[in-house]
Amino acid sequence: MYLDVRRDWLAYVDEIPRALVAANAVATLDALEQSPRHQHQKAQLLFTVRGVVNCEVDGAVWIVPPQCAVWIPGGLPHSVFGSGEVECLSLFIDPPASANLPKDCCTITVSRFFRELLMRANALPELYDVDGPDGRIVSVLFDELAVAPVEDLCLPIPGDPRLKKLTDLLIAAPADHASVAEWAARIALSERSLSRLLAEELGMSFGRWRRQLHIVLALRRLSAGQSVQTVAIDLGYESASSFVTMFRKMVGKPPSRYLLERRRLR
């Protein structure tokens, strides 16, 4: 099963002559902790039932909160790990070219209808009847995947060793209020050089990258049951309202509404 992420099983999945192969199981945190870096010819759709899944690829970590899924294109090396108590299901997909599915790794929102399709597809036999009801389920699933909304829940990870050091410092001390100039000095760069490197490597400013980091950390903690007030203080915000304002600007809605909508999808 996928829970072992064994190379022989992944090779076996790639050989199954179907557009969709289900793991036929729900993974748990213990299994996800053991997931090594790997790849497979088929693409993968990993749906988070409970908890937060993190998918790491070269240069980025994709965050997958409850009732979202991460799309991992075929042939892309990646590793998967969980935050808190995690349950998720995995589908391996080799769709026809006409399916118009995402070309890049991304996090997508899963509607109630799409969720039911995923759960139904997860129970399909390996060699389902392509021309029967099961085959039609797969076709509808591809249609829903093609139009599913994409969420900006990616944390870019820089390759430059100085920026990587900055990343580690920020993750270790997310509430540190140091200025951009002070952060730059800590990695032996000028403020101008830091800004230039971030623009070249990540395509964003220091402030934008730091806010994205805070969204990642907040989603992990909020999904684990921490209060907005606690998360706001831990991330260095003066008040819960200032944190909520940042969250709304980055995600498009306040954290309470964001999490409530995902609970309603269960």
C-alpha atoms as a PDB file:
ATOM      1  CA  MET A   1       0.000   0.000   0.000  1.00  0.00           C
ATOM      2  CA  TYR A   2       0.946   3.676  -0.258  1.00  0.00           C
ATOM      3  CA  LEU A   3       1.383   3.785   3.499  1.00  0.00           C
ATOM      4  CA  ASP A   4       4.771   2.116   3.084  1.00  0.00           C
ATOM      5  CA  VAL A   5       5.731   4.221   0.056  1.00  0.00           C
ATOM      6  CA  ARG A   6       7.804   1.239  -1.073  1.00  0.00           C
ATOM      7  CA  ARG A   7       9.608   1.670  -4.345  1.00  0.00           C
ATOM      8  CA  ASP A   8       8.412  -1.725  -5.554  1.00  0.00           C
ATOM      9  CA  TRP A   9       4.787  -0.801  -4.840  1.00  0.00           C
ATOM     10  CA  LEU A  10       5.136   2.577  -6.569  1.00  0.00           C
ATOM     11  CA  ALA A  11       6.581   0.832  -9.621  1.00  0.00           C
ATOM     12  CA  TYR A  12       3.642  -1.564  -9.456  1.00  0.00           C
ATOM     13  CA  VAL A  13       1.182   1.372  -9.376  1.00  0.00           C
ATOM     14  CA  ASP A  14       2.776   2.839 -12.507  1.00  0.00           C
ATOM     15  CA  GLU A  15       2.275  -0.461 -14.321  1.00  0.00           C
ATOM     16  CA  ILE A  16      -1.455  -0.787 -13.601  1.00  0.00           C
ATOM     17  CA  PRO A  17      -3.225  -0.050 -16.932  1.00  0.00           C
ATOM     18  CA  ARG A  18      -5.806   2.379 -15.583  1.00  0.00           C
ATOM     19  CA  ALA A  19      -6.124   6.180 -15.576  1.00  0.00           C
ATOM     20  CA  LEU A  20      -6.682   6.108 -11.799  1.00  0.00           C
ATOM     21  CA  VAL A  21      -5.257   3.827  -9.129  1.00  0.00           C
ATOM     22  CA  ALA A  22      -6.475   4.146  -5.534  1.00  0.00           C
ATOM     23  CA  ALA A  23      -4.412   3.334  -2.453  1.00  0.00           C
ATOM     24  CA  ASN A  24      -7.649   1.852  -0.999  1.00  0.00           C
ATOM     25  CA  ALA A  25      -6.645   3.081   2.452  1.00  0.00           C
ATOM     26  CA  VAL A  26      -6.512   6.191   4.615  1.00  0.00           C
ATOM     27  CA  ALA A  27      -2.979   7.115   5.642  1.00  0.00           C
ATOM     28  CA  THR A  28      -2.106   8.169   9.179  1.00  0.00           C
ATOM     29  CA  LEU A  29       0.564  10.421  10.664  1.00  0.00           C
ATOM     30  CA  ASP A  30       2.852   7.510  11.593  1.00  0.00           C
ATOM     31  CA  ALA A  31       2.944   6.407   7.965  1.00  0.00           C
ATOM     32  CA  LEU A  32       3.453   9.918   6.636  1.00  0.00           C
ATOM     33  CA  GLU A  33       6.408  10.447   8.968  1.00  0.00           C
ATOM     34  CA  GLN A  34       8.134   7.556   7.199  1.00  0.00           C
ATOM     35  CA  SER A  35       7.561   8.873   3.678  1.00  0.00           C
ATOM     36  CA  PRO A  36      10.960   9.168   1.953  1.00  0.00           C
ATOM     37  CA  ARG A  37      11.667  11.378  -1.029  1.00  0.00           C
ATOM     38  CA  HIS A  38      10.321   9.534  -4.055  1.00  0.00           C
ATOM     39  CA  GLN A  39       8.651   9.914  -7.434  1.00  0.00           C
ATOM     40  CA  HIS A  40       6.373   7.944  -9.753  1.00  0.00           C
ATOM     41  CA  GLN A  41       5.276   8.169 -13.364  1.00  0.00           C
ATOM     42  CA  LYS A  42       1.634   8.678 -12.460  1.00  0.00           C
ATOM     43  CA  ALA A  43       0.557  11.972 -10.945  1.00  0.00           C
ATOM     44  CA  GLN A  44      -0.729  11.915  -7.356  1.00  0.00           C
ATOM     45  CA  LEU A  45      -3.729  13.580  -5.734  1.00  0.00           C
ATOM     46  CA  LEU A  46      -3.364  13.607  -1.949  1.00  0.00           C
ATOM     47  CA  PHE A  47      -6.526  14.647  -0.075  1.00  0.00           C
ATOM     48  CA  THR A  48      -6.379  15.751   3.569  1.00  0.00           C
ATOM     49  CA  VAL A  49      -9.310  14.390   5.553  1.00  0.00           C
ATOM     50  CA  ARG A  50      -8.022  15.625   8.935  1.00  0.00           C
ATOM     51  CA  GLY A  51      -4.934  17.531  10.072  1.00  0.00           C
ATOM     52  CA  VAL A  52      -2.416  19.281   7.805  1.00  0.00           C
ATOM     53  CA  VAL A  53      -0.304  17.525   5.182  1.00  0.00           C
ATOM     54  CA  ASN A  54       2.922  19.078   3.914  1.00  0.00           C
ATOM     55  CA  CYS A  55       4.312  18.163   0.507  1.00  0.00           C
ATOM     56  CA  GLU A  56       7.934  19.176  -0.081  1.00  0.00           C
ATOM     57  CA  VAL A  57       9.349  19.504  -3.593  1.00  0.00           C
ATOM     58  CA  ASP A  58      12.488  21.224  -4.820  1.00  0.00           C
ATOM     59  CA  GLY A  59      12.262  24.862  -3.820  1.00  0.00           C
ATOM     60  CA  ALA A  60       8.899  24.811  -2.022  1.00  0.00           C
ATOM     61  CA  VAL A  61       6.617  23.260   0.570  1.00  0.00           C
ATOM     62  CA  TRP A  62       2.930  22.933  -0.305  1.00  0.00           C
ATOM     63  CA  ILE A  63       0.535  23.146   2.633  1.00  0.00           C
ATOM     64  CA  VAL A  64      -2.615  21.017   2.508  1.00  0.00           C
ATOM     65  CA  PRO A  65      -5.136  21.866   5.268  1.00  0.00           C
ATOM     66  CA  PRO A  66      -8.302  19.821   5.915  1.00  0.00           C
ATOM     67  CA  GLN A  67     -10.648  19.405   2.928  1.00  0.00           C
ATOM     68  CA  CYS A  68      -7.924  20.441   0.484  1.00  0.00           C
ATOM     69  CA  ALA A  69      -5.741  18.307  -1.747  1.00  0.00           C
ATOM     70  CA  VAL A  70      -2.301  18.627  -3.276  1.00  0.00           C
ATOM     71  CA  TRP A  71      -1.734  17.770  -6.931  1.00  0.00           C
ATOM     72  CA  ILE A  72       1.726  16.293  -7.580  1.00  0.00           C
ATOM     73  CA  PRO A  73       2.585  15.921 -11.293  1.00  0.00           C
ATOM     74  CA  GLY A  74       4.049  12.641 -12.465  1.00  0.00           C
ATOM     75  CA  GLY A  75       7.825  12.339 -12.284  1.00  0.00           C
ATOM     76  CA  LEU A  76       8.218  15.103  -9.670  1.00  0.00           C
ATOM     77  CA  PRO A  77      10.450  14.101  -6.710  1.00  0.00           C
ATOM     78  CA  HIS A  78       8.713  14.862  -3.428  1.00  0.00           C
ATOM     79  CA  SER A  79       8.286  13.882   0.203  1.00  0.00           C
ATOM     80  CA  VAL A  80       5.191  14.061   2.393  1.00  0.00           C
ATOM     81  CA  PHE A  81       4.874  14.623   6.128  1.00  0.00           C
ATOM     82  CA  GLY A  82       2.072  15.505   8.519  1.00  0.00           C
ATOM     83  CA  SER A  83       1.454  18.187  11.142  1.00  0.00           C
ATOM     84  CA  GLY A  84      -0.515  16.948  14.136  1.00  0.00           C
ATOM     85  CA  GLU A  85      -2.968  14.073  13.783  1.00  0.00           C
ATOM     86  CA  VAL A  86      -3.379  13.460  10.069  1.00  0.00           C
ATOM     87  CA  GLU A  87      -5.663  11.366   7.914  1.00  0.00           C
ATOM     88  CA  CYS A  88      -5.513  11.490   4.133  1.00  0.00           C
ATOM     89  CA  LEU A  89      -6.186   9.415   1.045  1.00  0.00           C
ATOM     90  CA  SER A  90      -4.119   9.085  -2.086  1.00  0.00           C
ATOM     91  CA  LEU A  91      -5.023   8.574  -5.750  1.00  0.00           C
ATOM     92  CA  PHE A  92      -2.493   7.954  -8.518  1.00  0.00           C
ATOM     93  CA  ILE A  93      -3.586   9.373 -11.850  1.00  0.00           C
ATOM     94  CA  ASP A  94      -2.578   8.964 -15.483  1.00  0.00           C
ATOM     95  CA  PRO A  95      -5.351  10.903 -17.232  1.00  0.00           C
ATOM     96  CA  PRO A  96      -5.906  11.381 -20.953  1.00  0.00           C
ATOM     97  CA  ALA A  97      -4.409  14.550 -22.430  1.00  0.00           C
ATOM     98  CA  SER A  98      -7.909  15.936 -22.937  1.00  0.00           C
ATOM     99  CA  ALA A  99      -8.504  16.046 -19.161  1.00  0.00           C
ATOM    100  CA  ASN A 100      -6.783  19.476 -18.911  1.00  0.00           C
ATOM    101  CA  LEU A 101      -5.448  18.867 -15.407  1.00  0.00           C
ATOM    102  CA  PRO A 102      -2.888  21.088 -13.615  1.00  0.00           C
ATOM    103  CA  LYS A 103       0.630  21.049 -15.048  1.00  0.00           C
ATOM    104  CA  ASP A 104       2.362  22.130 -11.825  1.00  0.00           C
ATOM    105  CA  CYS A 105       2.238  21.157  -8.170  1.00  0.00           C
ATOM    106  CA  CYS A 106      -0.601  23.021  -6.420  1.00  0.00           C
ATOM    107  CA  THR A 107      -3.033  22.957  -3.507  1.00  0.00           C
ATOM    108  CA  ILE A 108      -6.702  22.836  -4.485  1.00  0.00           C
ATOM    109  CA  THR A 109      -9.984  23.326  -2.648  1.00  0.00           C
ATOM    110  CA  VAL A 110     -12.214  20.248  -2.475  1.00  0.00           C
ATOM    111  CA  SER A 111     -15.983  20.791  -2.615  1.00  0.00           C
ATOM    112  CA  ARG A 112     -18.456  18.424  -0.939  1.00  0.00           C
ATOM    113  CA  PHE A 113     -19.291  16.821  -4.274  1.00  0.00           C
ATOM    114  CA  PHE A 114     -15.612  16.441  -5.182  1.00  0.00           C
ATOM    115  CA  ARG A 115     -14.940  14.935  -1.748  1.00  0.00           C
ATOM    116  CA  GLU A 116     -17.591  12.273  -2.292  1.00  0.00           C
ATOM    117  CA  LEU A 117     -16.059  11.473  -5.687  1.00  0.00           C
ATOM    118  CA  LEU A 118     -12.639  11.089  -4.074  1.00  0.00           C
ATOM    119  CA  MET A 119     -14.007   8.775  -1.379  1.00  0.00           C
ATOM    120  CA  ARG A 120     -15.832   6.710  -4.009  1.00  0.00           C
ATOM    121  CA  ALA A 121     -12.776   6.536  -6.240  1.00  0.00           C
ATOM    122  CA  ASN A 122     -10.628   5.482  -3.296  1.00  0.00           C
ATOM    123  CA  ALA A 123     -12.690   2.297  -3.058  1.00  0.00           C
ATOM    124  CA  LEU A 124     -12.362   1.335  -6.735  1.00  0.00           C
ATOM    125  CA  PRO A 125     -10.806  -2.025  -7.624  1.00  0.00           C
ATOM    126  CA  GLU A 126      -7.450  -1.879  -9.398  1.00  0.00           C
ATOM    127  CA  LEU A 127      -8.833  -3.065 -12.720  1.00  0.00           C
ATOM    128  CA  TYR A 128     -12.170  -1.300 -12.667  1.00  0.00           C
ATOM    129  CA  ASP A 129     -14.406  -1.483 -15.745  1.00  0.00           C
ATOM    130  CA  VAL A 130     -13.388   1.518 -17.844  1.00  0.00           C
ATOM    131  CA  ASP A 131     -16.669   1.420 -19.802  1.00  0.00           C
ATOM    132  CA  GLY A 132     -18.896   0.825 -16.796  1.00  0.00           C
ATOM    133  CA  PRO A 133     -20.106   2.936 -13.844  1.00  0.00           C
ATOM    134  CA  ASP A 134     -16.644   2.994 -12.253  1.00  0.00           C
ATOM    135  CA  GLY A 135     -15.139   4.399 -15.434  1.00  0.00           C
ATOM    136  CA  ARG A 136     -17.773   7.135 -15.478  1.00  0.00           C
ATOM    137  CA  ILE A 137     -16.936   7.999 -11.845  1.00  0.00           C
ATOM    138  CA  VAL A 138     -13.309   8.494 -12.875  1.00  0.00           C
ATOM    139  CA  SER A 139     -14.293  10.707 -15.813  1.00  0.00           C
ATOM    140  CA  VAL A 140     -16.430  12.951 -13.595  1.00  0.00           C
ATOM    141  CA  LEU A 141     -13.612  13.117 -11.040  1.00  0.00           C
ATOM    142  CA  PHE A 142     -11.256  14.389 -13.750  1.00  0.00           C
ATOM    143  CA  ASP A 143     -13.841  17.016 -14.737  1.00  0.00           C
ATOM    144  CA  GLU A 144     -14.072  18.246 -11.130  1.00  0.00           C
ATOM    145  CA  LEU A 145     -10.289  18.245 -10.698  1.00  0.00           C
ATOM    146  CA  ALA A 146      -9.866  20.373 -13.828  1.00  0.00           C
ATOM    147  CA  VAL A 147     -12.083  23.170 -12.419  1.00  0.00           C
ATOM    148  CA  ALA A 148     -11.178  22.946  -8.716  1.00  0.00           C
ATOM    149  CA  PRO A 149     -10.052  26.319  -7.266  1.00  0.00           C
ATOM    150  CA  VAL A 150      -6.319  26.626  -6.613  1.00  0.00           C
ATOM    151  CA  GLU A 151      -5.196  28.093  -3.256  1.00  0.00           C
ATOM    152  CA  ASP A 152      -1.970  30.034  -2.684  1.00  0.00           C
ATOM    153  CA  LEU A 153      -0.654  27.776   0.088  1.00  0.00           C
ATOM    154  CA  CYS A 154       2.933  27.353  -1.050  1.00  0.00           C
ATOM    155  CA  LEU A 155       5.974  28.384   0.950  1.00  0.00           C
ATOM    156  CA  PRO A 156       8.933  28.910  -1.420  1.00  0.00           C
ATOM    157  CA  ILE A 157      12.226  27.601  -0.013  1.00  0.00           C
ATOM    158  CA  PRO A 158      15.310  29.423  -1.351  1.00  0.00           C
ATOM    159  CA  GLY A 159      18.342  27.559  -2.659  1.00  0.00           C
ATOM    160  CA  ASP A 160      20.939  30.218  -1.842  1.00  0.00           C
ATOM    161  CA  PRO A 161      22.689  29.129   1.405  1.00  0.00           C
ATOM    162  CA  ARG A 162      22.403  32.627   2.910  1.00  0.00           C
ATOM    163  CA  LEU A 163      18.672  32.733   2.237  1.00  0.00           C
ATOM    164  CA  LYS A 164      18.330  29.173   3.537  1.00  0.00           C
ATOM    165  CA  LYS A 165      19.952  30.342   6.780  1.00  0.00           C
ATOM    166  CA  LEU A 166      17.463  33.220   6.907  1.00  0.00           C
ATOM    167  CA  THR A 167      14.613  30.749   6.353  1.00  0.00           C
ATOM    168  CA  ASP A 168      15.794  28.619   9.280  1.00  0.00           C
ATOM    169  CA  LEU A 169      16.123  31.691  11.529  1.00  0.00           C
ATOM    170  CA  LEU A 170      12.623  32.922  10.680  1.00  0.00           C
ATOM    171  CA  ILE A 171      11.029  29.522  11.213  1.00  0.00           C
ATOM    172  CA  ALA A 172      12.819  29.197  14.569  1.00  0.00           C
ATOM    173  CA  ALA A 173      11.698  32.676  15.704  1.00  0.00           C
ATOM    174  CA  PRO A 174       8.520  33.674  13.819  1.00  0.00           C
ATOM    175  CA  ALA A 175       7.663  36.335  16.430  1.00  0.00           C
ATOM    176  CA  ASP A 176      10.987  38.192  16.085  1.00  0.00           C
ATOM    177  CA  HIS A 177      10.224  41.840  15.189  1.00  0.00           C
ATOM    178  CA  ALA A 178      13.653  42.622  13.721  1.00  0.00           C
ATOM    179  CA  SER A 179      13.689  44.933  10.705  1.00  0.00           C
ATOM    180  CA  VAL A 180      14.651  43.793   7.229  1.00  0.00           C
ATOM    181  CA  ALA A 181      18.037  45.480   7.683  1.00  0.00           C
ATOM    182  CA  GLU A 182      18.605  43.585  10.932  1.00  0.00           C
ATOM    183  CA  TRP A 183      17.669  40.242   9.360  1.00  0.00           C
ATOM    184  CA  ALA A 184      19.999  41.005   6.453  1.00  0.00           C
ATOM    185  CA  ALA A 185      22.878  41.751   8.832  1.00  0.00           C
ATOM    186  CA  ARG A 186      22.371  38.400  10.567  1.00  0.00           C
ATOM    187  CA  ILE A 187      23.213  36.605   7.316  1.00  0.00           C
ATOM    188  CA  ALA A 188      25.984  39.033   6.353  1.00  0.00           C
ATOM    189  CA  LEU A 189      24.063  40.852   3.623  1.00  0.00           C
ATOM    190  CA  SER A 190      22.986  44.412   3.032  1.00  0.00           C
ATOM    191  CA  GLU A 191      19.265  45.158   2.973  1.00  0.00           C
ATOM    192  CA  ARG A 192      19.498  45.884  -0.757  1.00  0.00           C
ATOM    193  CA  SER A 193      21.310  42.598  -1.468  1.00  0.00           C
ATOM    194  CA  LEU A 194      18.752  40.657   0.564  1.00  0.00           C
ATOM    195  CA  SER A 195      15.868  42.229  -1.333  1.00  0.00           C
ATOM    196  CA  ARG A 196      17.541  41.499  -4.664  1.00  0.00           C
ATOM    197  CA  LEU A 197      18.224  37.848  -3.795  1.00  0.00           C
ATOM    198  CA  LEU A 198      14.648  37.284  -2.585  1.00  0.00           C
ATOM    199  CA  ALA A 199      13.276  38.800  -5.788  1.00  0.00           C
ATOM    200  CA  GLU A 200      15.560  36.641  -7.932  1.00  0.00           C
ATOM    201  CA  GLU A 201      15.042  33.354  -6.067  1.00  0.00           C
ATOM    202  CA  LEU A 202      11.489  33.618  -4.761  1.00  0.00           C
ATOM    203  CA  GLY A 203       9.887  36.380  -6.790  1.00  0.00           C
ATOM    204  CA  MET A 204       8.620  38.132  -3.672  1.00  0.00           C
ATOM    205  CA  SER A 205       9.623  40.670  -1.053  1.00  0.00           C
ATOM    206  CA  PHE A 206      10.844  39.841   2.449  1.00  0.00           C
ATOM    207  CA  GLY A 207       7.526  40.993   3.927  1.00  0.00           C
ATOM    208  CA  ARG A 208       5.473  38.855   1.543  1.00  0.00           C
ATOM    209  CA  TRP A 209       7.590  35.764   2.187  1.00  0.00           C
ATOM    210  CA  ARG A 210       7.370  36.251   5.952  1.00  0.00           C
ATOM    211  CA  ARG A 211       3.588  36.664   5.825  1.00  0.00           C
ATOM    212  CA  GLN A 212       3.360  33.463   3.758  1.00  0.00           C
ATOM    213  CA  LEU A 213       5.431  31.699   6.409  1.00  0.00           C
ATOM    214  CA  HIS A 214       3.020  32.958   9.069  1.00  0.00           C
ATOM    215  CA  ILE A 215       0.067  31.580   7.089  1.00  0.00           C
ATOM    216  CA  VAL A 216       1.766  28.185   6.930  1.00  0.00           C
ATOM    217  CA  LEU A 217       2.527  28.145  10.651  1.00  0.00           C
ATOM    218  CA  ALA A 218      -0.937  29.465  11.522  1.00  0.00           C
ATOM    219  CA  LEU A 219      -2.755  26.803   9.505  1.00  0.00           C
ATOM    220  CA  ARG A 220      -0.764  24.057  11.175  1.00  0.00           C
ATOM    221  CA  ARG A 221      -1.534  25.389  14.661  1.00  0.00           C
ATOM    222  CA  LEU A 222      -5.164  26.371  14.072  1.00  0.00           C
ATOM    223  CA  SER A 223      -5.904  22.958  12.543  1.00  0.00           C
ATOM    224  CA  ALA A 224      -4.374  21.379  15.656  1.00  0.00           C
ATOM    225  CA  GLY A 225      -6.952  23.233  17.801  1.00  0.00           C
ATOM    226  CA  GLN A 226      -5.028  26.306  18.998  1.00  0.00           C
ATOM    227  CA  SER A 227      -7.040  29.519  19.351  1.00  0.00           C
ATOM    228  CA  VAL A 228      -6.621  32.534  17.077  1.00  0.00           C
ATOM    229  CA  GLN A 229      -5.463  34.554  20.101  1.00  0.00           C
ATOM    230  CA  THR A 230      -2.735  32.031  20.966  1.00  0.00           C
ATOM    231  CA  VAL A 231      -1.518  31.752  17.387  1.00  0.00           C
ATOM    232  CA  ALA A 232      -1.453  35.541  16.985  1.00  0.00           C
ATOM    233  CA  ILE A 233       0.689  35.978  20.114  1.00  0.00           C
ATOM    234  CA  ASP A 234       3.039  33.133  19.179  1.00  0.00           C
ATOM    235  CA  LEU A 235       3.604  34.698  15.755  1.00  0.00           C
ATOM    236  CA  GLY A 236       4.382  38.095  17.236  1.00  0.00           C
ATOM    237  CA  TYR A 237       1.224  40.063  16.427  1.00  0.00           C
ATOM    238  CA  GLU A 238       0.139  42.819  18.815  1.00  0.00           C
ATOM    239  CA  SER A 239      -3.431  41.558  18.826  1.00  0.00           C
ATOM    240  CA  ALA A 240      -5.665  38.869  17.395  1.00  0.00           C
ATOM    241  CA  SER A 241      -7.314  41.476  15.161  1.00  0.00           C
ATOM    242  CA  SER A 242      -4.015  42.449  13.506  1.00  0.00           C
ATOM    243  CA  PHE A 243      -3.293  38.765  12.821  1.00  0.00           C
ATOM    244  CA  VAL A 244      -6.804  38.265  11.415  1.00  0.00           C
ATOM    245  CA  THR A 245      -6.314  41.278   9.114  1.00  0.00           C
ATOM    246  CA  MET A 246      -3.083  39.764   7.742  1.00  0.00           C
ATOM    247  CA  PHE A 247      -4.706  36.350   7.319  1.00  0.00           C
ATOM    248  CA  ARG A 248      -7.676  37.835   5.452  1.00  0.00           C
ATOM    249  CA  LYS A 249      -5.412  39.753   3.075  1.00  0.00           C
ATOM    250  CA  MET A 250      -3.336  36.666   2.305  1.00  0.00           C
ATOM    251  CA  VAL A 251      -6.048  33.983   2.146  1.00  0.00           C
ATOM    252  CA  GLY A 252      -9.144  36.021   1.270  1.00  0.00           C
ATOM    253  CA  LYS A 253     -11.130  35.316   4.446  1.00  0.00           C
ATOM    254  CA  PRO A 254     -10.571  35.370   8.242  1.00  0.00           C
ATOM    255  CA  PRO A 255      -9.186  32.208   9.891  1.00  0.00           C
ATOM    256  CA  SER A 256     -12.417  31.354  11.722  1.00  0.00           C
ATOM    257  CA  ARG A 257     -14.414  31.385   8.491  1.00  0.00           C
ATOM    258  CA  TYR A 258     -11.680  29.562   6.592  1.00  0.00           C
ATOM    259  CA  LEU A 259     -11.614  26.685   9.100  1.00  0.00           C
ATOM    260  CA  LEU A 260     -15.406  26.624   9.532  1.00  0.00           C
ATOM    261  CA  GLU A 261     -15.937  26.170   5.798  1.00  0.00           C
ATOM    262  CA  ARG A 262     -13.583  23.192   5.831  1.00  0.00           C
ATOM    263  CA  ARG A 263     -15.319  21.593   8.805  1.00  0.00           C
ATOM    264  CA  ARG A 264     -18.663  21.928   7.000  1.00  0.00           C
ATOM    265  CA  LEU A 265     -17.219  20.012   4.056  1.00  0.00           C
ATOM    266  CA  ARG A 266     -16.620  16.933   6.173  1.00  0.00           C
END
